[in-house]
Protein backbone atom coordinates (compact mmCIF):
# COMPACT_ATOMS: atom_id res chain seq x y z
CA MET A 1 -2.22 5.73 44.17
CA SER A 2 -1.68 9.44 43.60
CA ASN A 3 -2.37 12.19 46.10
CA GLU A 4 -4.35 13.98 43.38
CA LYS A 5 -7.12 11.42 43.63
CA TYR A 6 -7.36 11.91 47.38
CA ASP A 7 -7.52 15.70 47.10
CA ARG A 8 -10.18 15.79 44.38
CA SER A 9 -12.34 13.33 46.24
CA PHE A 10 -12.24 15.16 49.53
CA GLU A 11 -12.21 18.84 48.59
CA SER A 12 -14.07 21.24 50.87
CA GLU A 13 -17.57 22.09 49.80
CA GLU A 14 -16.86 25.79 50.34
CA SER A 15 -16.82 27.84 47.16
CA SER A 16 -13.43 29.30 48.01
CA SER A 17 -11.76 25.88 48.24
CA VAL A 18 -8.70 25.33 46.12
CA TYR A 19 -6.68 22.28 45.31
CA ARG A 20 -4.88 21.13 48.38
CA ASP A 21 -2.03 18.73 48.74
CA ALA A 22 -2.75 15.61 50.78
CA TYR A 23 -0.20 16.72 53.37
CA TYR A 24 -1.89 20.09 53.90
CA THR A 25 -3.02 20.89 57.49
CA THR A 26 -5.88 23.30 57.94
CA SER A 27 -5.56 26.43 60.06
CA GLU A 28 -7.89 24.83 62.60
CA GLY A 29 -5.28 22.19 63.22
CA HIS A 30 -7.26 19.35 61.57
CA THR A 31 -5.41 17.16 59.17
CA SER A 32 -6.97 16.69 55.76
CA TYR A 33 -7.25 13.17 54.34
CA GLY A 34 -3.77 11.83 53.93
CA TYR A 35 -0.70 10.91 55.87
CA ASN A 36 0.84 13.65 58.05
CA PRO A 37 4.03 12.54 59.84
CA ALA A 38 3.84 15.24 62.51
CA GLN A 39 0.21 14.55 63.31
CA SER A 40 0.92 10.80 63.39
CA TYR A 41 3.75 11.28 65.87
CA ASN A 42 1.60 13.44 68.13
CA SER A 43 -1.23 10.93 68.00
CA GLN A 44 1.10 8.12 69.02
CA ALA A 45 2.58 10.19 71.85
CA ASN A 46 -0.85 11.05 73.19
CA TRP A 47 -1.93 7.44 72.86
CA ARG A 48 1.08 6.23 74.87
CA HIS A 49 0.49 8.93 77.47
CA LYS A 50 -3.13 7.94 77.92
CA ARG A 51 -2.25 4.25 78.17
CA LYS A 52 0.16 5.08 80.94
CA ASN A 53 -2.57 6.83 82.84
CA LYS A 54 -5.02 4.06 81.99
CA ASN A 55 -7.59 6.63 81.09
CA ILE A 56 -8.68 5.47 77.65
CA GLY A 57 -12.14 6.56 76.55
CA LEU A 58 -14.42 5.27 73.82
CA GLY A 59 -13.39 8.07 71.43
CA ALA A 60 -9.74 7.18 71.79
CA VAL A 61 -10.47 3.56 70.97
CA ILE A 62 -12.27 4.56 67.79
CA VAL A 63 -9.36 6.82 66.77
CA ILE A 64 -6.88 4.03 67.36
CA CYS A 65 -8.92 1.62 65.23
CA LEU A 66 -9.16 4.11 62.41
CA VAL A 67 -5.43 4.78 62.47
CA CYS A 68 -4.69 1.06 62.36
CA ILE A 69 -7.03 0.52 59.44
CA LEU A 70 -5.50 3.46 57.57
CA VAL A 71 -1.92 2.31 58.12
CA ALA A 72 -2.79 -1.25 57.10
CA GLY A 73 -4.54 0.01 54.00
CA ILE A 74 -1.59 2.15 52.94
CA ALA A 75 0.81 -0.74 53.52
CA GLY A 76 -1.42 -3.11 51.54
CA VAL A 77 -1.74 -0.72 48.62
CA GLY A 78 2.02 -0.17 48.57
CA ALA A 79 2.73 -3.87 48.62
CA MET A 80 0.24 -4.52 45.82
CA TYR A 81 1.72 -1.68 43.75
CA PHE A 82 5.26 -3.06 43.90
CA PHE A 83 3.98 -6.60 43.27
CA LEU A 84 2.14 -5.55 40.12
CA GLN A 85 5.08 -3.47 38.93
CA ASN A 86 7.37 -6.48 39.19
CA ARG A 87 4.89 -8.76 37.46
CA LEU A 88 4.37 -6.29 34.61
CA ALA A 89 8.10 -5.88 34.16
CA GLU A 90 8.55 -9.64 34.06
CA ALA A 91 5.74 -10.02 31.53
CA SER A 92 6.82 -7.18 29.23
CA GLU A 93 10.44 -8.27 28.81
CA PRO A 94 9.62 -11.68 27.27
CA ALA A 95 6.92 -10.07 25.09
CA GLU A 96 9.39 -7.55 23.70
CA GLU A 97 11.98 -10.26 23.15
CA GLU A 98 9.38 -12.46 21.46
CA ALA A 99 8.26 -9.68 19.09
CA SER A 100 11.91 -8.95 18.24
CA ASP A 101 12.59 -12.63 17.60
CA LEU A 102 9.53 -12.98 15.37
CA TYR A 103 10.57 -9.97 13.31
CA ALA A 104 14.07 -11.37 12.93
CA GLU A 105 12.61 -14.68 11.77
CA VAL A 106 10.43 -12.94 9.19
CA GLN A 107 13.44 -11.04 7.84
CA SER A 108 15.73 -14.05 7.69
CA ALA A 109 13.07 -16.18 6.02
CA GLN A 110 12.93 -13.69 3.15
CA ALA A 111 16.64 -12.96 2.83
CA ALA A 112 17.45 -15.91 0.56
CA ALA A 113 14.85 -14.87 -2.02
CA THR A 114 15.93 -11.22 -2.23
CA GLU A 115 19.71 -11.25 -2.28
CA SER A 116 20.13 -10.67 -6.00
CA LEU A 117 18.49 -10.11 -9.34
CA PRO A 118 16.82 -11.33 -11.48
CA LEU A 119 13.65 -11.34 -9.46
CA THR A 120 12.31 -14.75 -8.61
CA ILE A 121 8.89 -15.94 -7.52
CA GLN A 122 8.61 -18.17 -4.46
CA GLU A 123 6.36 -21.13 -5.13
CA ALA A 124 3.27 -21.47 -3.00
CA ASP A 125 3.75 -23.72 0.01
CA GLU A 126 0.71 -24.37 2.15
CA ALA A 127 2.97 -25.78 4.88
CA ALA A 128 4.95 -22.54 5.12
CA GLU A 129 4.76 -20.46 8.27
CA THR A 130 2.13 -17.76 8.24
CA TYR A 131 2.61 -14.33 9.78
CA THR A 132 0.34 -12.10 11.77
CA ALA A 133 -0.81 -8.72 10.51
CA GLU A 134 1.58 -7.07 12.97
CA GLU A 135 4.56 -9.00 11.59
CA ILE A 136 3.60 -8.21 8.01
CA TYR A 137 3.30 -4.54 8.87
CA LEU A 138 6.80 -4.58 10.37
CA LEU A 139 8.06 -5.95 7.07
CA ALA A 140 6.09 -3.47 5.02
CA CYS A 141 7.53 -0.52 6.90
CA GLU A 142 10.97 -1.49 5.60
CA GLN A 143 9.86 -2.60 2.13
CA VAL A 144 7.34 0.06 1.09
CA VAL A 145 8.39 3.54 -0.05
CA GLY A 146 6.59 6.78 -0.70
CA ILE A 147 7.02 8.35 -4.14
CA SER A 148 6.40 12.02 -4.84
CA THR A 149 6.91 14.34 -7.78
CA SER A 150 6.30 18.04 -8.26
CA ILE A 151 5.06 18.99 -11.72
CA ASP A 152 5.06 22.54 -13.11
CA GLN A 153 1.97 23.40 -15.14
CA TYR A 154 1.17 26.52 -17.15
CA ASN A 155 -2.21 28.07 -17.94
CA VAL A 156 -3.19 29.90 -21.13
CA PHE A 157 -1.67 33.09 -19.74
CA GLY A 158 1.68 31.45 -19.12
CA GLN A 159 1.28 31.47 -15.35
CA ALA A 160 3.02 28.56 -13.64
CA SER A 161 1.61 26.39 -10.88
CA SER A 162 3.03 23.36 -9.15
CA THR A 163 1.12 20.09 -8.77
CA SER A 164 2.24 17.25 -6.54
CA VAL A 165 1.74 13.63 -7.48
CA ALA A 166 2.10 11.01 -4.78
CA GLY A 167 2.15 7.24 -4.82
CA SER A 168 3.78 4.18 -3.34
CA GLY A 169 6.40 1.66 -4.36
CA ILE A 170 7.99 -1.61 -3.27
CA ILE A 171 11.70 -2.30 -2.82
CA LEU A 172 12.86 -5.05 -5.19
CA SER A 173 16.53 -5.31 -4.27
CA GLU A 174 18.86 -4.32 -1.47
CA ASP A 175 20.73 -1.96 -3.80
CA GLY A 176 17.74 0.25 -4.54
CA TYR A 177 15.53 -1.01 -7.39
CA ILE A 178 11.91 -0.01 -6.78
CA LEU A 179 8.73 -1.12 -8.53
CA THR A 180 5.73 1.20 -8.91
CA ASN A 181 2.94 2.10 -11.31
CA TYR A 182 3.82 3.99 -14.46
CA HIS A 183 0.99 6.47 -13.90
CA VAL A 184 2.58 7.50 -10.57
CA ILE A 185 5.66 8.89 -12.34
CA GLU A 186 4.26 9.39 -15.86
CA SER A 187 4.14 13.20 -15.83
CA ALA A 188 7.52 13.51 -14.14
CA TYR A 189 9.04 11.03 -16.58
CA ALA A 190 7.63 12.83 -19.63
CA GLY A 191 8.72 16.24 -18.35
CA SER A 192 12.04 15.17 -16.80
CA TYR A 193 11.00 16.33 -13.35
CA THR A 194 12.57 15.13 -10.11
CA ILE A 195 11.17 11.96 -8.57
CA ASN A 196 11.66 11.61 -4.82
CA VAL A 197 11.57 8.34 -2.89
CA MET A 198 11.08 8.37 0.89
CA LEU A 199 11.85 5.45 3.19
CA HIS A 200 10.11 4.66 6.46
CA ASP A 201 12.87 6.32 8.51
CA GLY A 202 12.26 9.59 6.66
CA GLU A 203 15.39 9.41 4.52
CA THR A 204 14.71 10.75 1.01
CA TYR A 205 16.47 9.89 -2.25
CA THR A 206 16.29 11.25 -5.77
CA ALA A 207 15.35 8.41 -8.11
CA THR A 208 16.25 7.73 -11.71
CA VAL A 209 13.90 5.89 -14.07
CA THR A 210 15.33 2.50 -15.07
CA GLY A 211 12.50 1.68 -17.45
CA VAL A 212 8.78 1.99 -17.99
CA GLU A 213 6.11 -0.25 -19.48
CA SER A 214 3.08 1.91 -20.14
CA ASP A 215 0.97 -0.92 -21.57
CA SER A 216 1.16 -2.70 -18.22
CA ASP A 217 1.23 0.48 -16.10
CA LEU A 218 4.53 -0.45 -14.46
CA ALA A 219 7.83 1.34 -13.92
CA VAL A 220 11.13 0.56 -12.20
CA LEU A 221 13.08 3.26 -10.37
CA LYS A 222 16.59 3.21 -8.92
CA ILE A 223 17.94 4.99 -5.86
CA GLU A 224 21.55 4.99 -4.71
CA ALA A 225 21.22 3.01 -1.50
CA GLU A 226 22.58 -0.20 -0.02
CA GLY A 227 21.36 -2.73 2.50
CA LEU A 228 17.67 -2.16 1.88
CA ASN A 229 15.11 -4.78 2.89
CA ALA A 230 13.80 -6.20 -0.39
CA ALA A 231 10.38 -7.80 -0.57
CA ALA A 232 9.90 -11.50 -1.19
CA LEU A 233 7.64 -12.15 -4.17
CA GLY A 234 4.92 -14.79 -3.87
CA ASP A 235 3.17 -16.89 -6.49
CA SER A 236 0.16 -14.83 -7.55
CA ASP A 237 -0.87 -17.63 -9.93
CA ALA A 238 -1.76 -19.62 -6.81
CA LEU A 239 -4.15 -16.96 -5.49
CA ALA A 240 -7.72 -18.06 -4.86
CA VAL A 241 -10.85 -16.07 -4.16
CA GLY A 242 -11.35 -15.70 -0.43
CA GLN A 243 -7.67 -15.66 0.58
CA THR A 244 -6.62 -13.01 3.10
CA ILE A 245 -4.49 -10.15 1.80
CA TYR A 246 -2.99 -6.94 3.19
CA ALA A 247 -2.38 -3.66 1.33
CA VAL A 248 0.17 -1.12 2.54
CA GLY A 249 0.76 2.30 1.03
CA ASN A 250 0.36 6.04 1.32
CA PRO A 251 -3.32 6.89 0.74
CA LEU A 252 -3.91 10.50 -0.29
CA GLY A 253 -0.14 10.98 -0.21
CA GLU A 254 -0.44 12.02 3.45
CA LEU A 255 -1.47 9.00 5.51
CA THR A 256 1.88 7.29 5.09
CA TYR A 257 2.32 3.60 5.82
CA THR A 258 -1.34 2.78 6.18
CA MET A 259 -2.27 -0.91 6.30
CA THR A 260 -5.66 -2.27 5.28
CA TYR A 261 -6.75 -5.86 4.92
CA GLY A 262 -9.37 -7.91 3.14
CA ILE A 263 -9.70 -10.83 0.78
CA VAL A 264 -9.17 -11.63 -2.86
CA SER A 265 -12.59 -10.85 -4.32
CA ALA A 266 -12.08 -12.04 -7.90
CA LEU A 267 -9.38 -13.06 -10.35
CA ASP A 268 -8.57 -12.17 -13.98
CA ARG A 269 -10.36 -8.84 -14.29
CA LEU A 270 -9.54 -6.86 -17.44
CA ILE A 271 -9.46 -3.32 -16.09
CA THR A 272 -9.15 -0.23 -18.28
CA THR A 273 -7.71 2.66 -16.27
CA ASP A 274 -8.10 6.41 -16.75
CA GLU A 275 -4.98 6.28 -18.90
CA ASN A 276 -6.74 3.96 -21.41
CA ILE A 277 -4.54 1.08 -20.33
CA THR A 278 -6.18 -2.33 -20.13
CA VAL A 279 -4.44 -4.68 -17.71
CA ASN A 280 -5.28 -8.06 -16.24
CA MET A 281 -5.70 -7.65 -12.47
CA PHE A 282 -7.16 -9.38 -9.46
CA GLN A 283 -9.82 -7.73 -7.33
CA ILE A 284 -9.54 -7.02 -3.60
CA ASP A 285 -11.86 -5.50 -1.02
CA ALA A 286 -9.12 -3.95 1.13
CA ALA A 287 -9.53 -0.17 1.23
CA VAL A 288 -7.22 1.55 -1.26
CA ASN A 289 -7.22 5.16 -2.37
CA SER A 290 -5.27 7.67 -4.40
CA GLY A 291 -1.68 7.37 -3.19
CA ASN A 292 -1.86 3.59 -2.73
CA SER A 293 -0.96 3.12 -6.39
CA GLY A 294 2.29 1.20 -6.77
CA GLY A 295 2.13 -0.21 -3.26
CA PRO A 296 2.17 -3.92 -2.46
CA VAL A 297 -0.49 -6.48 -1.68
CA TYR A 298 0.85 -9.09 0.78
CA ASN A 299 -0.34 -12.62 1.39
CA ILE A 300 -0.35 -14.27 4.82
CA TYR A 301 3.21 -15.54 4.23
CA GLY A 302 4.61 -12.01 4.10
CA GLN A 303 5.11 -12.21 0.33
CA VAL A 304 4.09 -9.56 -2.19
CA VAL A 305 1.48 -11.02 -4.56
CA GLY A 306 0.26 -7.86 -6.28
CA ILE A 307 0.78 -4.18 -7.02
CA VAL A 308 -2.17 -1.92 -6.17
CA THR A 309 -3.09 -0.10 -9.37
CA ALA A 310 -6.71 1.00 -9.48
CA LYS A 311 -9.97 1.29 -7.61
CA TYR A 312 -13.52 1.74 -8.82
CA SER A 313 -14.47 5.27 -7.92
CA ASP A 314 -18.13 6.27 -7.90
CA ASP A 315 -20.77 7.41 -5.46
CA GLY A 316 -21.95 4.60 -3.24
CA VAL A 317 -19.22 2.20 -4.38
CA GLU A 318 -16.79 0.75 -1.87
CA GLY A 319 -14.38 -2.15 -1.62
CA LEU A 320 -13.49 -2.46 -5.30
CA GLY A 321 -9.72 -2.32 -5.56
CA PHE A 322 -7.53 -3.93 -8.20
CA ALA A 323 -3.92 -5.13 -8.26
CA ILE A 324 -1.53 -6.37 -10.95
CA PRO A 325 -0.44 -9.97 -10.21
CA ILE A 326 3.19 -9.98 -9.11
CA THR A 327 4.10 -12.85 -11.44
CA ASP A 328 3.25 -10.57 -14.37
CA ALA A 329 4.89 -7.54 -12.77
CA ALA A 330 8.10 -9.37 -11.87
CA SER A 331 8.59 -10.60 -15.42
CA ILE A 332 8.23 -7.05 -16.72
CA ALA A 333 10.46 -5.63 -13.96
CA ASN A 334 13.24 -8.06 -14.87
CA GLU A 335 13.07 -6.88 -18.47
CA LEU A 336 13.11 -3.21 -17.47
CA ILE A 337 16.11 -3.72 -15.21
CA THR A 338 17.99 -5.75 -17.82
CA ASN A 339 17.09 -3.90 -21.03
CA GLY A 340 15.38 -0.68 -20.03
CA TYR A 341 12.28 -1.89 -21.88
CA VAL A 342 10.30 -5.09 -22.34
CA SER A 343 11.86 -7.03 -25.16
CA GLY A 344 10.01 -9.36 -27.49
CA LYS A 345 6.67 -7.55 -27.29
CA ALA A 346 4.45 -8.20 -30.28
CA TYR A 347 3.87 -5.15 -32.47
CA LEU A 348 1.45 -4.66 -35.34
CA GLY A 349 2.38 -1.14 -36.41
CA LEU A 350 -1.23 0.06 -36.56
CA THR A 351 -3.05 3.12 -35.25
CA LEU A 352 -6.46 1.95 -34.06
CA THR A 353 -9.78 3.01 -32.60
CA THR A 354 -13.04 1.32 -31.69
CA VAL A 355 -16.10 1.18 -33.94
CA SER A 356 -18.89 1.30 -31.39
CA PRO A 357 -22.35 -0.19 -32.08
CA SER A 358 -23.85 3.28 -32.58
CA VAL A 359 -21.08 4.36 -35.00
CA ALA A 360 -21.37 1.07 -36.88
CA MET A 361 -25.13 1.53 -37.28
CA TYR A 362 -24.86 5.17 -38.34
CA TYR A 363 -22.15 4.60 -40.96
CA GLY A 364 -23.24 1.17 -42.13
CA MET A 365 -20.09 -0.49 -40.74
CA VAL A 366 -19.49 -3.47 -38.49
CA GLN A 367 -18.46 -3.33 -34.84
CA GLY A 368 -14.76 -3.94 -34.36
CA VAL A 369 -11.35 -2.20 -34.39
CA TYR A 370 -10.90 0.44 -37.08
CA VAL A 371 -7.46 0.88 -38.72
CA TYR A 372 -6.65 4.58 -39.04
CA ALA A 373 -3.13 4.19 -40.33
CA VAL A 374 -0.53 1.54 -41.17
CA GLU A 375 3.11 2.14 -40.30
CA ALA A 376 5.44 1.98 -43.29
CA GLY A 377 7.61 -1.14 -43.29
CA SER A 378 5.64 -2.79 -40.50
CA CYS A 379 4.49 -6.39 -40.46
CA SER A 380 0.92 -5.19 -41.03
CA GLN A 381 1.88 -3.36 -44.21
CA GLU A 382 3.79 -6.40 -45.44
CA ALA A 383 0.79 -8.61 -44.66
CA GLY A 384 -1.53 -6.33 -46.66
CA ILE A 385 -3.59 -4.60 -43.98
CA GLN A 386 -4.93 -1.23 -45.17
CA ALA A 387 -6.22 1.95 -43.59
CA GLY A 388 -10.00 1.66 -43.34
CA ASP A 389 -9.97 -2.06 -42.50
CA ILE A 390 -11.96 -3.21 -39.47
CA ILE A 391 -10.39 -6.03 -37.45
CA VAL A 392 -13.07 -8.22 -35.85
CA ALA A 393 -11.09 -11.28 -34.66
CA ILE A 394 -7.58 -12.57 -34.02
CA ASP A 395 -6.98 -16.30 -34.32
CA GLY A 396 -10.72 -16.82 -34.05
CA THR A 397 -11.13 -14.73 -30.87
CA GLU A 398 -13.65 -11.93 -31.39
CA VAL A 399 -12.35 -8.41 -30.68
CA LEU A 400 -15.11 -5.79 -30.70
CA ASP A 401 -13.02 -2.92 -29.34
CA LYS A 402 -9.39 -1.84 -29.37
CA SER A 403 -8.84 -2.79 -25.69
CA ALA A 404 -9.78 -6.38 -26.47
CA LEU A 405 -7.44 -6.46 -29.47
CA LEU A 406 -4.55 -4.94 -27.52
CA GLU A 407 -5.06 -7.45 -24.72
CA GLN A 408 -4.97 -10.31 -27.22
CA VAL A 409 -1.80 -8.98 -28.85
CA LYS A 410 -0.11 -9.16 -25.43
CA GLN A 411 -0.47 -12.94 -25.59
CA TYR A 412 1.98 -13.08 -28.53
CA ARG A 413 5.71 -12.53 -28.84
CA ALA A 414 7.68 -10.92 -31.63
CA GLY A 415 8.05 -13.45 -34.44
CA ASP A 416 4.77 -15.22 -33.66
CA SER A 417 2.13 -15.36 -36.37
CA ALA A 418 -1.61 -14.75 -36.09
CA GLU A 419 -4.61 -14.72 -38.39
CA LEU A 420 -6.60 -11.49 -38.38
CA THR A 421 -10.20 -11.52 -39.55
CA VAL A 422 -10.75 -8.22 -41.34
CA TYR A 423 -13.91 -6.57 -42.70
CA ARG A 424 -13.17 -4.75 -45.98
CA ASN A 425 -15.49 -3.62 -48.76
CA GLN A 426 -18.49 -5.36 -47.16
CA ASP A 427 -16.67 -8.66 -47.03
CA TYR A 428 -14.60 -10.64 -44.50
CA ILE A 429 -11.07 -11.71 -45.34
CA THR A 430 -8.30 -13.46 -43.38
CA ILE A 431 -4.82 -11.94 -43.23
CA THR A 432 -1.80 -13.64 -41.61
CA VAL A 433 0.72 -11.39 -39.87
CA VAL A 434 4.09 -12.16 -38.26
CA PHE A 435 4.50 -9.77 -35.37
CA ASP A 436 7.32 -7.24 -35.22
CA GLU A 437 9.05 -6.37 -31.95
CA GLU A 438 7.88 -3.20 -30.23
CA LEU A 439 10.68 -0.80 -29.34
CA PRO A 440 10.31 1.85 -26.61
CA THR A 441 9.78 4.80 -28.95
CA GLN A 442 7.07 3.04 -30.93
CA ALA A 443 4.67 3.03 -27.98
CA GLN A 444 4.29 6.81 -28.25
CA GLU A 445 4.11 7.07 -32.04
CA ASN A 446 1.14 7.15 -34.41
CA GLN A 447 -1.44 8.06 -31.75
CA ILE A 448 -4.24 10.27 -33.05
CA PRO A 449 -7.68 11.20 -31.69
CA SER A 450 -10.73 9.26 -32.76
CA PRO A 451 -14.52 9.73 -32.43
CA SER A 452 -14.78 7.33 -29.47
CA ASN A 453 -11.41 7.82 -27.79
CA GLU A 454 -7.75 8.32 -28.51
CA GLY A 455 -6.08 6.00 -30.96
CA ILE A 456 -3.67 3.58 -29.32
CA ASN A 457 -0.80 1.91 -31.05
CA ALA A 458 -0.88 -1.88 -30.95
């Protein structure tokens, strides 16, 4: 017990009193509360002298009792202090060893699945060992990265300003492949700006872009590093509503390595982001914010099952986050690492926009997907689709807007055939197309503005 506690408890009531050490002796010769070796020696000498003379009064007896109680109390407190110190030391050593062992087990359990590419998905195993939130966070600190870019912008007067874009990513391989959202690096990629990747230990690397897939809002980066701790990828197809999940990322680009937790709230949500990208995602109620994009969603087995991509942002709305299933993301990442783009994607060669109900009523049209232009030499031109056609269904599935059509096209591969139901000249006709393969440059071509939104190439 510290002397400070004694002094503060027994300060003089005089206004001029100052802090006094427990060993301080007043000018009147009285010892303040605390142990004074000199005073103790004198007391014992006087006590022995008075015993010799056998002249012990009542006051002396009281003093002797008080001294005995005080000495016993100090001895007891000291003994208890050292006892507790020893017990705490004994208890802390096994706890530290246990935490270290658990972390080592988590790492070794994932090593087999992350040694090499291509990326593989671990099948769901309900008998597998589950990890605590603390253990998952330890993993995440070595598997999650921060991603930042600095973009130069110019106003109408030619004045430059710098804008920072921040997000998160997940390490895919020990040699530096990293998965993130395309929108995190989109501006830097388009303008050839530097993309920085920061690890948990503060080490920063300059990343190169291996490949991007804008339609799925995914990108793969590469840093020159070795021996990184790659994430194990779980089976997101086995997710069920109500399962516990954890999200780790860099919200706001400042609160690095923040962990939140929640449950899977819903599956198979078609979410259209601010970038007019419609992607199938699952819904979570774990708190995610700007800067979490590209970061992982973990299951209780320490496996990544999703990539945080979007949240519903509006006044009074909370707990609506969305993540791309990792089974979808891993397939795309493998293609980007192998080819630099996703091969075999179905491509119509059309520039499209939506005919909304109000536009259809005003112009005497039908609701559907309006064809603005047909690419020369494309499968659509060969099949006979014309500018001005309105596509209302594909293989019998109704498509009332371009997002629905684009999502349906994703279900096909290059070389597959499909029947398009088209409204032309106040009549419905069926046209069979055999899909072309979309090449990287085609995703940016033939995009023009439309009354409802921008045209998007299918």
